[in-house]
Amino acid sequence: MTAEMIILVLLIVTALGFDFTNGFHDTGNAMATSIATGALKPKVAVGLSAILNLVGAFLSVEVAATITKDVLKIQTTSGDAKGALIEGLDANKALIIIFAGLIGAILWNLFTWLFGLPSSSSHALFGGLIGSGLAALGTTGINWHGILGKIIVPALFAPLIACVVAAVGTLLIYAITNGMSEAKKETGFRRGQVASASLVSLAHGTGDAQKTMGVIALALIATGHLDAASVSHGLPIWVVVTCASAIALGTWLGGWRIIRTLGKGLVEIKAPQGMAAEASSAAIILTSSAAGMALSTTHVATGSILGSGLGKKGAEVRWGVAGRMAVAWVTTLPAAALVGAICFWIAHLIGGAPGAIVIFLILAALSGYMYWRAQQQKVDHSNVNAEWDTETNSPVPSADDAPTTTNQA
C-alpha cells in the first residue's frame, strides 16, 4: 500500500470517528427537552433520534458541497481535471491538512463533552481545518469569503433568530392555552414534543452528517478519486451510507452529559416550552441546510431553549450555565484551529505515512484518556434527569442524587 493510500484510509477512519462524536455530542440538541419534560424515555429518545439522523443524512448534499469548496482553497479553479490541486501542493500534503483538521475537531468535541458543554461540532471541524490550512499554506489557503458568508454570519445570527422565534412561540402557546389546566398542557404538548423533536433529529442528520461527507469528498478530490464538479450532483453511495451510519451510532449511544446540561441546566423547562424550542430549531436548521449553510445545530438549539425560558413568565434561566456555554462557543474555532495546526506540524515534520500514523496514535491516546475520565463520574440514562445542582453548575449529579425516573407519555 502506498503512503498516499495509508494516509487516505486513516483519514477516512478518522472522519467517521468525527461523525460518531458529532452524533453523541449533538443528541441533546434534538432530545434534551423531550427527555427533561418526560415526553420520551431517555433510551427511546436517543434510539428515535438515531433512526431519524440516519434517514436525514440521505436527503441532501448541499452542505457537503459547501465543505468541499468554502473552507480550504486546495483545488484549482480552472479546468475540470479530477484532483487538480493548487501549485506547490501534492496529494499527501493535502490529505495531512484535512487529517490534522479532523483531529482538532474530535479532540475539542471530546473535551467539551467531558465537561458537559454543548459546543458546536461544526465549528470545531471548521476550526481544525482552518488551523491546519493556515499552518500548511498560510492565509492564502483559506477561503475567507466562504467562511464569512456560510459559517461566521450564520453563527452570529442563528442563535439570536432561534431565541426570538422560540420566545415568540412560547408566548403564543401560553396565550392560546390560557385557562387550560397545567396537567392538560403537559400531556398534550408532550405528545407534540415527540413530533417536533423527531423533526430536529431529521434536520440534524440532513445538515451534520453532510459535513463529514464533505470532508471525505474533499480527500477523494485531492487524490483524484472524485471529480469536484460532481459533488453537487451526488456523492458515492458508500460515503453517504458510512457517514449516515456513524452519526446514527453516535446518536444512539447518547451524549448524556450534554443532554443533561441542555435539558436540566439551562432552563427548568415544561412541555409547551420544549415543543416551541424544538419547532423553532427544526425550522431554522432545515432552512439553512437547503441553502447550503453549514449551520451549528448546537447554537440553534441552545438559542431556542433560552428563548423558551424568556418567553414563559416566571421561568428560570440559569445565566451562569449560559455564560459557560458562550465561552465554549467563542473558544471553539481558535482552540480546534490550534490543535489542527499542531497536528499538521507534527505530521509534516515526521513526513509521509509515519507522520500520519503518529498523529493518529496521539488522537487515540487522548481520546482514550478523556473517555476514561468521563467514566469516573458517569452520566447516563439513569441519572440524566437528576435535580440540577445550582451551586456547582456541573452536569455530573452528586453522589447523593438517586437516579430519577419519570412517567413518560
Protein backbone atom coordinates (compact mmCIF):
# COMPACT_ATOMS: atom_id res chain seq x y z
CA MET A 1 0.00 0.00 0.00
CA THR A 2 1.37 3.42 -0.95
CA ALA A 3 1.88 6.24 1.55
CA GLU A 4 -0.99 8.14 -0.06
CA MET A 5 -3.39 5.23 0.42
CA ILE A 6 -2.32 4.72 4.03
CA ILE A 7 -2.99 8.38 4.81
CA LEU A 8 -6.30 8.30 2.93
CA VAL A 9 -7.50 5.22 4.84
CA LEU A 10 -6.52 6.74 8.20
CA LEU A 11 -8.23 9.97 7.20
CA ILE A 12 -11.50 8.23 6.30
CA VAL A 13 -11.46 6.26 9.57
CA THR A 14 -10.82 9.50 11.48
CA ALA A 15 -13.56 11.32 9.57
CA LEU A 16 -16.05 8.63 10.55
CA GLY A 17 -14.76 8.95 14.12
CA PHE A 18 -15.56 12.67 13.99
CA ASP A 19 -19.01 11.85 12.61
CA PHE A 20 -19.53 9.47 15.55
CA THR A 21 -18.56 12.16 18.09
CA ASN A 22 -20.80 14.61 16.26
CA GLY A 23 -23.68 12.20 16.79
CA PHE A 24 -23.35 11.78 20.54
CA HIS A 25 -22.23 15.38 21.06
CA ASP A 26 -25.35 16.77 19.39
CA THR A 27 -28.05 14.30 20.51
CA GLY A 28 -29.10 16.79 23.14
CA ASN A 29 -29.95 19.39 20.51
CA ALA A 30 -32.93 17.31 19.48
CA MET A 31 -33.85 15.26 22.52
CA ALA A 32 -32.74 17.08 25.69
CA THR A 33 -36.03 18.91 26.23
CA SER A 34 -38.16 15.84 25.48
CA ILE A 35 -36.15 13.82 27.99
CA ALA A 36 -36.30 16.61 30.59
CA THR A 37 -40.09 17.01 30.34
CA GLY A 38 -40.72 13.27 30.30
CA ALA A 39 -42.16 13.27 26.79
CA LEU A 40 -39.83 10.41 25.91
CA LYS A 41 -37.90 7.89 27.96
CA PRO A 42 -34.15 8.56 27.64
CA LYS A 43 -33.29 5.37 25.74
CA VAL A 44 -36.32 5.66 23.47
CA ALA A 45 -35.39 9.27 22.71
CA VAL A 46 -31.83 8.52 21.60
CA GLY A 47 -32.99 5.49 19.61
CA LEU A 48 -35.59 7.54 17.74
CA SER A 49 -33.05 10.30 17.16
CA ALA A 50 -30.53 7.81 15.76
CA ILE A 51 -33.02 6.44 13.22
CA LEU A 52 -34.02 9.93 12.04
CA ASN A 53 -30.40 11.10 11.82
CA LEU A 54 -29.76 8.09 9.60
CA VAL A 55 -32.71 8.99 7.34
CA GLY A 56 -31.85 12.70 7.28
CA ALA A 57 -28.35 12.02 6.01
CA PHE A 58 -29.77 10.80 2.69
CA LEU A 59 -31.90 13.88 1.97
CA SER A 60 -29.40 16.44 0.63
CA VAL A 61 -25.78 17.14 -0.39
CA GLU A 62 -25.80 20.95 -0.32
CA VAL A 63 -23.82 21.24 2.92
CA ALA A 64 -21.30 18.62 1.74
CA ALA A 65 -20.67 20.71 -1.37
CA THR A 66 -20.08 23.75 0.87
CA ILE A 67 -17.40 21.89 2.83
CA THR A 68 -15.51 20.89 -0.33
CA LYS A 69 -15.13 24.44 -1.62
CA ASP A 70 -15.90 27.09 1.03
CA VAL A 71 -13.35 26.33 3.79
CA LEU A 72 -9.98 25.34 2.29
CA LYS A 73 -8.55 26.56 -1.02
CA ILE A 74 -6.61 23.49 -2.07
CA GLN A 75 -8.22 22.98 -5.50
CA THR A 76 -7.53 24.93 -8.65
CA THR A 77 -10.39 26.99 -10.02
CA SER A 78 -9.55 26.37 -13.67
CA GLY A 79 -10.07 23.21 -15.68
CA ASP A 80 -12.14 20.21 -14.74
CA ALA A 81 -9.46 17.64 -14.04
CA LYS A 82 -10.02 15.35 -11.11
CA GLY A 83 -8.00 16.23 -8.03
CA ALA A 84 -6.49 19.39 -9.53
CA LEU A 85 -4.58 20.91 -6.59
CA ILE A 86 -3.11 24.37 -6.25
CA GLU A 87 0.51 24.86 -7.24
CA GLY A 88 3.02 23.52 -4.73
CA LEU A 89 0.54 21.18 -3.04
CA ASP A 90 0.66 17.42 -3.58
CA ALA A 91 -1.94 14.85 -2.57
CA ASN A 92 -0.08 13.71 0.57
CA LYS A 93 0.19 17.22 1.97
CA ALA A 94 -3.46 17.95 1.15
CA LEU A 95 -4.51 14.79 2.97
CA ILE A 96 -2.43 15.69 6.03
CA ILE A 97 -4.10 19.13 6.13
CA ILE A 98 -7.56 17.54 6.19
CA PHE A 99 -6.46 14.78 8.58
CA ALA A 100 -4.96 17.21 11.11
CA GLY A 101 -8.09 19.36 10.96
CA LEU A 102 -10.25 16.36 11.82
CA ILE A 103 -8.10 15.56 14.84
CA GLY A 104 -8.50 19.11 16.13
CA ALA A 105 -12.27 18.78 15.78
CA ILE A 106 -12.52 15.39 17.51
CA LEU A 107 -10.36 16.38 20.49
CA TRP A 108 -12.35 19.57 21.05
CA ASN A 109 -15.62 17.61 20.81
CA LEU A 110 -14.44 15.15 23.43
CA PHE A 111 -13.05 17.87 25.71
CA THR A 112 -16.33 19.82 25.74
CA TRP A 113 -18.35 16.60 26.10
CA LEU A 114 -16.28 15.70 29.18
CA PHE A 115 -17.37 18.96 30.83
CA GLY A 116 -20.94 18.77 29.53
CA LEU A 117 -20.58 21.86 27.35
CA PRO A 118 -22.79 21.88 24.23
CA SER A 119 -20.27 23.48 21.89
CA SER A 120 -20.53 23.32 18.11
CA SER A 121 -19.18 20.20 16.39
CA SER A 122 -19.45 22.09 13.11
CA HIS A 123 -17.29 24.96 14.29
CA ALA A 124 -14.81 22.52 15.78
CA LEU A 125 -14.47 20.96 12.33
CA PHE A 126 -14.11 24.32 10.61
CA GLY A 127 -11.62 25.49 13.24
CA GLY A 128 -9.49 22.36 12.86
CA LEU A 129 -9.42 22.70 9.07
CA ILE A 130 -8.63 26.42 9.23
CA GLY A 131 -5.79 25.83 11.70
CA SER A 132 -4.16 23.07 9.68
CA GLY A 133 -4.72 25.05 6.46
CA LEU A 134 -3.01 28.11 7.93
CA ALA A 135 -0.10 26.00 9.19
CA ALA A 136 0.37 24.42 5.77
CA LEU A 137 -0.49 27.15 3.29
CA GLY A 138 -0.76 30.44 5.19
CA THR A 139 -3.67 32.83 4.78
CA THR A 140 -3.95 32.12 1.04
CA GLY A 141 -5.03 28.56 1.78
CA ILE A 142 -8.27 29.64 3.46
CA ASN A 143 -11.46 30.64 1.65
CA TRP A 144 -12.21 33.64 3.85
CA HIS A 145 -15.16 34.75 1.73
CA GLY A 146 -16.85 31.35 2.01
CA ILE A 147 -16.17 31.12 5.75
CA LEU A 148 -17.63 34.57 6.35
CA GLY A 149 -20.76 34.04 4.26
CA LYS A 150 -21.54 30.39 5.01
CA ILE A 151 -20.17 29.98 8.56
CA ILE A 152 -19.43 33.17 10.56
CA VAL A 153 -22.50 35.23 9.66
CA PRO A 154 -24.93 32.31 10.27
CA ALA A 155 -23.14 31.57 13.56
CA LEU A 156 -23.78 35.12 14.76
CA PHE A 157 -27.39 35.41 13.72
CA ALA A 158 -28.79 31.87 14.02
CA PRO A 159 -28.86 31.69 17.86
CA LEU A 160 -30.45 35.13 18.08
CA ILE A 161 -33.08 34.29 15.49
CA ALA A 162 -33.78 30.95 17.18
CA CYS A 163 -34.08 32.67 20.56
CA VAL A 164 -36.58 35.21 19.25
CA VAL A 165 -38.64 32.63 17.34
CA ALA A 166 -38.80 30.28 20.35
CA ALA A 167 -39.66 33.14 22.73
CA VAL A 168 -42.50 34.32 20.49
CA GLY A 169 -43.70 30.74 20.01
CA THR A 170 -43.70 30.15 23.77
CA LEU A 171 -45.61 33.38 24.40
CA LEU A 172 -48.22 32.41 21.81
CA ILE A 173 -48.57 28.87 23.16
CA TYR A 174 -49.23 30.08 26.71
CA ALA A 175 -51.57 32.81 25.47
CA ILE A 176 -53.61 30.36 23.38
CA THR A 177 -53.80 27.78 26.17
CA ASN A 178 -54.54 30.30 28.91
CA GLY A 179 -57.11 28.80 31.22
CA MET A 180 -56.21 25.22 30.38
CA SER A 181 -55.02 23.18 33.34
CA GLU A 182 -51.29 22.56 33.69
CA ALA A 183 -51.87 18.81 33.58
CA LYS A 184 -53.66 19.03 30.21
CA LYS A 185 -50.93 21.31 28.83
CA GLU A 186 -48.19 18.93 29.87
CA THR A 187 -49.96 15.86 28.46
CA GLY A 188 -50.84 17.46 25.13
CA PHE A 189 -47.53 19.15 24.50
CA ARG A 190 -45.52 16.10 25.50
CA ARG A 191 -47.17 14.33 22.59
CA GLY A 192 -46.40 17.28 20.36
CA GLN A 193 -42.78 17.15 21.50
CA VAL A 194 -42.37 13.67 20.05
CA ALA A 195 -43.08 15.09 16.59
CA SER A 196 -41.06 18.30 16.99
CA ALA A 197 -38.03 16.52 18.48
CA SER A 198 -38.17 13.99 15.66
CA LEU A 199 -38.09 16.81 13.14
CA VAL A 200 -34.98 18.28 14.80
CA SER A 201 -33.26 14.89 14.58
CA LEU A 202 -34.13 14.61 10.92
CA ALA A 203 -32.81 18.14 10.35
CA HIS A 204 -29.60 17.34 12.24
CA GLY A 205 -28.92 14.33 10.05
CA THR A 206 -29.59 16.41 6.95
CA GLY A 207 -27.06 19.05 7.99
CA ASP A 208 -24.36 17.50 10.15
CA ALA A 209 -23.80 14.12 8.50
CA GLN A 210 -23.10 16.01 5.29
CA LYS A 211 -20.17 17.83 6.88
CA THR A 212 -18.28 14.58 7.25
CA MET A 213 -19.34 13.55 3.75
CA GLY A 214 -17.86 16.83 2.52
CA VAL A 215 -14.55 16.17 4.28
CA ILE A 216 -14.24 12.68 2.80
CA ALA A 217 -15.21 14.05 -0.61
CA LEU A 218 -12.50 16.71 -0.31
CA ALA A 219 -9.92 13.98 0.41
CA LEU A 220 -11.14 11.94 -2.56
CA ILE A 221 -10.91 15.02 -4.78
CA ALA A 222 -7.35 15.67 -3.60
CA THR A 223 -6.29 12.13 -4.53
CA GLY A 224 -8.11 12.11 -7.87
CA HIS A 225 -10.74 9.57 -6.84
CA LEU A 226 -13.62 12.04 -7.25
CA ASP A 227 -14.43 14.84 -9.66
CA ALA A 228 -15.04 18.11 -7.78
CA ALA A 229 -17.73 19.14 -10.26
CA SER A 230 -19.80 16.04 -9.49
CA VAL A 231 -20.20 16.68 -5.75
CA SER A 232 -23.20 18.98 -6.13
CA HIS A 233 -25.00 16.23 -8.05
CA GLY A 234 -24.35 13.47 -5.53
CA LEU A 235 -21.68 11.53 -3.66
CA PRO A 236 -20.54 7.89 -3.89
CA ILE A 237 -23.12 5.78 -2.09
CA TRP A 238 -20.52 4.26 0.26
CA VAL A 239 -19.65 7.75 1.54
CA VAL A 240 -23.29 8.53 2.28
CA VAL A 241 -24.01 5.17 3.91
CA THR A 242 -20.92 5.10 6.15
CA CYS A 243 -21.37 8.72 7.29
CA ALA A 244 -25.08 8.22 7.96
CA SER A 245 -24.33 5.06 9.95
CA ALA A 246 -21.55 6.68 12.00
CA ILE A 247 -23.63 9.68 13.08
CA ALA A 248 -26.61 7.42 13.84
CA LEU A 249 -24.46 5.12 16.01
CA GLY A 250 -23.07 8.08 17.94
CA THR A 251 -26.58 9.45 18.44
CA TRP A 252 -27.86 6.10 19.68
CA LEU A 253 -25.15 5.90 22.35
CA GLY A 254 -26.33 9.29 23.62
CA GLY A 255 -24.26 12.25 24.79
CA TRP A 256 -25.77 12.10 28.25
CA ARG A 257 -23.56 14.80 29.79
CA ILE A 258 -24.64 17.34 27.19
CA ILE A 259 -28.26 16.16 27.19
CA ARG A 260 -28.28 16.87 30.92
CA THR A 261 -26.86 20.39 30.53
CA LEU A 262 -29.36 21.36 27.84
CA GLY A 263 -32.35 19.64 29.45
CA LYS A 264 -31.79 20.47 33.11
CA GLY A 265 -29.02 23.03 33.41
CA LEU A 266 -30.09 25.90 31.17
CA VAL A 267 -33.82 26.27 31.80
CA GLU A 268 -36.30 24.43 34.02
CA ILE A 269 -38.38 23.53 31.02
CA LYS A 270 -42.00 22.48 30.64
CA ALA A 271 -43.55 20.61 27.72
CA PRO A 272 -45.04 23.69 25.95
CA GLN A 273 -41.64 25.38 26.06
CA GLY A 274 -39.96 22.22 24.83
CA MET A 275 -42.24 21.99 21.82
CA ALA A 276 -41.70 25.67 20.96
CA ALA A 277 -37.92 25.29 21.22
CA GLU A 278 -37.80 22.15 19.09
CA ALA A 279 -40.12 23.50 16.41
CA SER A 280 -38.07 26.70 16.00
CA SER A 281 -34.82 24.71 15.89
CA ALA A 282 -36.11 22.37 13.20
CA ALA A 283 -37.39 25.20 11.01
CA ILE A 284 -34.11 27.11 11.12
CA ILE A 285 -31.84 24.08 10.62
CA LEU A 286 -33.81 22.72 7.66
CA THR A 287 -33.91 26.16 6.00
CA SER A 288 -30.15 26.64 6.39
CA SER A 289 -29.39 23.12 5.09
CA ALA A 290 -31.42 23.78 1.95
CA ALA A 291 -29.37 26.96 1.42
CA GLY A 292 -26.08 25.10 1.88
CA MET A 293 -25.22 26.95 5.10
CA ALA A 294 -23.10 24.85 7.44
CA LEU A 295 -25.07 25.97 10.49
CA SER A 296 -24.33 24.83 14.03
CA THR A 297 -27.30 22.86 15.34
CA THR A 298 -25.93 23.40 18.85
CA HIS A 299 -26.13 27.18 18.53
CA VAL A 300 -29.66 26.98 17.14
CA ALA A 301 -30.92 24.52 19.78
CA THR A 302 -29.36 26.47 22.64
CA GLY A 303 -30.81 29.74 21.38
CA SER A 304 -34.22 28.10 21.12
CA ILE A 305 -34.07 26.72 24.65
CA LEU A 306 -33.04 30.13 26.01
CA GLY A 307 -35.89 31.71 24.08
CA SER A 308 -38.38 29.25 25.55
CA GLY A 309 -37.25 30.33 29.01
CA LEU A 310 -37.53 34.02 28.19
CA GLY A 311 -40.96 33.51 26.63
CA LYS A 312 -42.54 31.97 29.75
CA LYS A 313 -43.39 34.31 32.56
CA GLY A 314 -41.57 33.36 35.73
CA ALA A 315 -39.34 30.75 34.07
CA GLU A 316 -35.82 30.38 35.45
CA VAL A 317 -32.89 30.84 33.09
CA ARG A 318 -29.51 29.91 34.56
CA TRP A 319 -27.29 32.59 33.09
CA GLY A 320 -24.18 31.15 34.74
CA VAL A 321 -24.56 27.98 32.66
CA ALA A 322 -25.35 30.06 29.58
CA GLY A 323 -22.17 32.08 30.18
CA ARG A 324 -20.02 28.94 30.32
CA MET A 325 -21.57 27.79 27.08
CA ALA A 326 -20.89 31.15 25.47
CA VAL A 327 -17.22 30.88 26.44
CA ALA A 328 -17.08 27.43 24.82
CA TRP A 329 -18.67 28.84 21.67
CA VAL A 330 -16.16 31.67 21.40
CA THR A 331 -13.15 29.43 22.00
CA THR A 332 -14.22 26.51 19.75
CA LEU A 333 -12.80 27.84 16.48
CA PRO A 334 -9.41 29.03 17.83
CA ALA A 335 -8.92 26.01 20.13
CA ALA A 336 -9.65 23.46 17.39
CA ALA A 337 -7.53 25.52 14.99
CA LEU A 338 -4.57 25.40 17.36
CA VAL A 339 -4.80 21.62 17.73
CA GLY A 340 -5.19 21.23 13.97
CA ALA A 341 -2.09 23.35 13.35
CA ILE A 342 -0.01 21.45 15.91
CA CYS A 343 -1.04 18.10 14.44
CA PHE A 344 -0.14 19.26 10.95
CA TRP A 345 3.31 20.42 12.08
CA ILE A 346 3.97 17.11 13.85
CA ALA A 347 2.90 15.05 10.84
CA HIS A 348 4.74 17.30 8.38
CA LEU A 349 7.93 17.21 10.45
CA ILE A 350 7.95 13.40 10.51
CA GLY A 351 6.70 13.18 6.96
CA GLY A 352 4.55 10.83 4.89
CA ALA A 353 2.66 7.86 6.28
CA PRO A 354 4.74 7.68 9.52
CA GLY A 355 3.67 11.25 10.34
CA ALA A 356 0.02 10.39 9.76
CA ILE A 357 0.32 7.29 11.95
CA VAL A 358 1.89 9.32 14.79
CA ILE A 359 -0.90 11.91 14.91
CA PHE A 360 -3.47 9.12 14.67
CA LEU A 361 -1.90 7.47 17.73
CA ILE A 362 -1.93 10.81 19.56
CA LEU A 363 -5.64 11.12 18.80
CA ALA A 364 -6.31 7.58 20.05
CA ALA A 365 -4.37 8.14 23.29
CA LEU A 366 -6.01 11.48 24.17
CA SER A 367 -9.46 10.19 23.23
CA GLY A 368 -8.98 7.14 25.44
CA TYR A 369 -7.87 9.29 28.36
CA MET A 370 -10.91 11.59 28.14
CA TYR A 371 -13.26 8.62 27.89
CA TRP A 372 -11.62 7.12 30.99
CA ARG A 373 -12.02 10.41 32.85
CA ALA A 374 -15.71 10.55 31.97
CA GLN A 375 -16.29 7.05 33.36
CA GLN A 376 -15.07 8.19 36.79
CA GLN A 377 -18.16 10.41 37.10
CA LYS A 378 -20.63 8.78 34.78
CA VAL A 379 -23.79 10.36 33.42
CA ASP A 380 -26.22 8.05 31.62
CA HIS A 381 -29.93 7.41 31.14
CA SER A 382 -30.37 6.57 34.83
CA ASN A 383 -29.29 9.95 36.22
CA VAL A 384 -29.64 12.35 33.28
CA ASN A 385 -32.78 13.89 34.86
CA ALA A 386 -31.44 14.20 38.41
CA GLU A 387 -32.01 17.60 40.01
CA TRP A 388 -29.54 20.25 38.85
CA ASP A 389 -27.04 21.49 41.45
CA THR A 390 -27.15 25.28 41.13
CA GLU A 391 -24.06 25.70 43.34
CA THR A 392 -21.66 23.71 41.17
CA ASN A 393 -23.48 24.03 37.82
CA SER A 394 -21.87 20.72 36.91
CA PRO A 395 -23.51 18.26 34.53
CA VAL A 396 -22.38 15.43 36.82
CA PRO A 397 -25.01 14.69 39.51
CA SER A 398 -23.74 14.43 43.06
CA ALA A 399 -23.32 11.02 44.64
CA ASP A 400 -26.35 11.73 46.84
CA ASP A 401 -28.68 12.12 43.87
CA ALA A 402 -30.71 8.99 43.30
CA PRO A 403 -31.46 8.07 39.70
CA THR A 404 -34.57 9.91 38.58
CA THR A 405 -37.35 8.28 36.64
CA THR A 406 -40.36 9.99 35.12
CA ASN A 407 -43.77 8.95 33.92
CA GLN A 408 -43.36 9.35 30.22
CA ALA A 409 -46.27 9.85 27.89
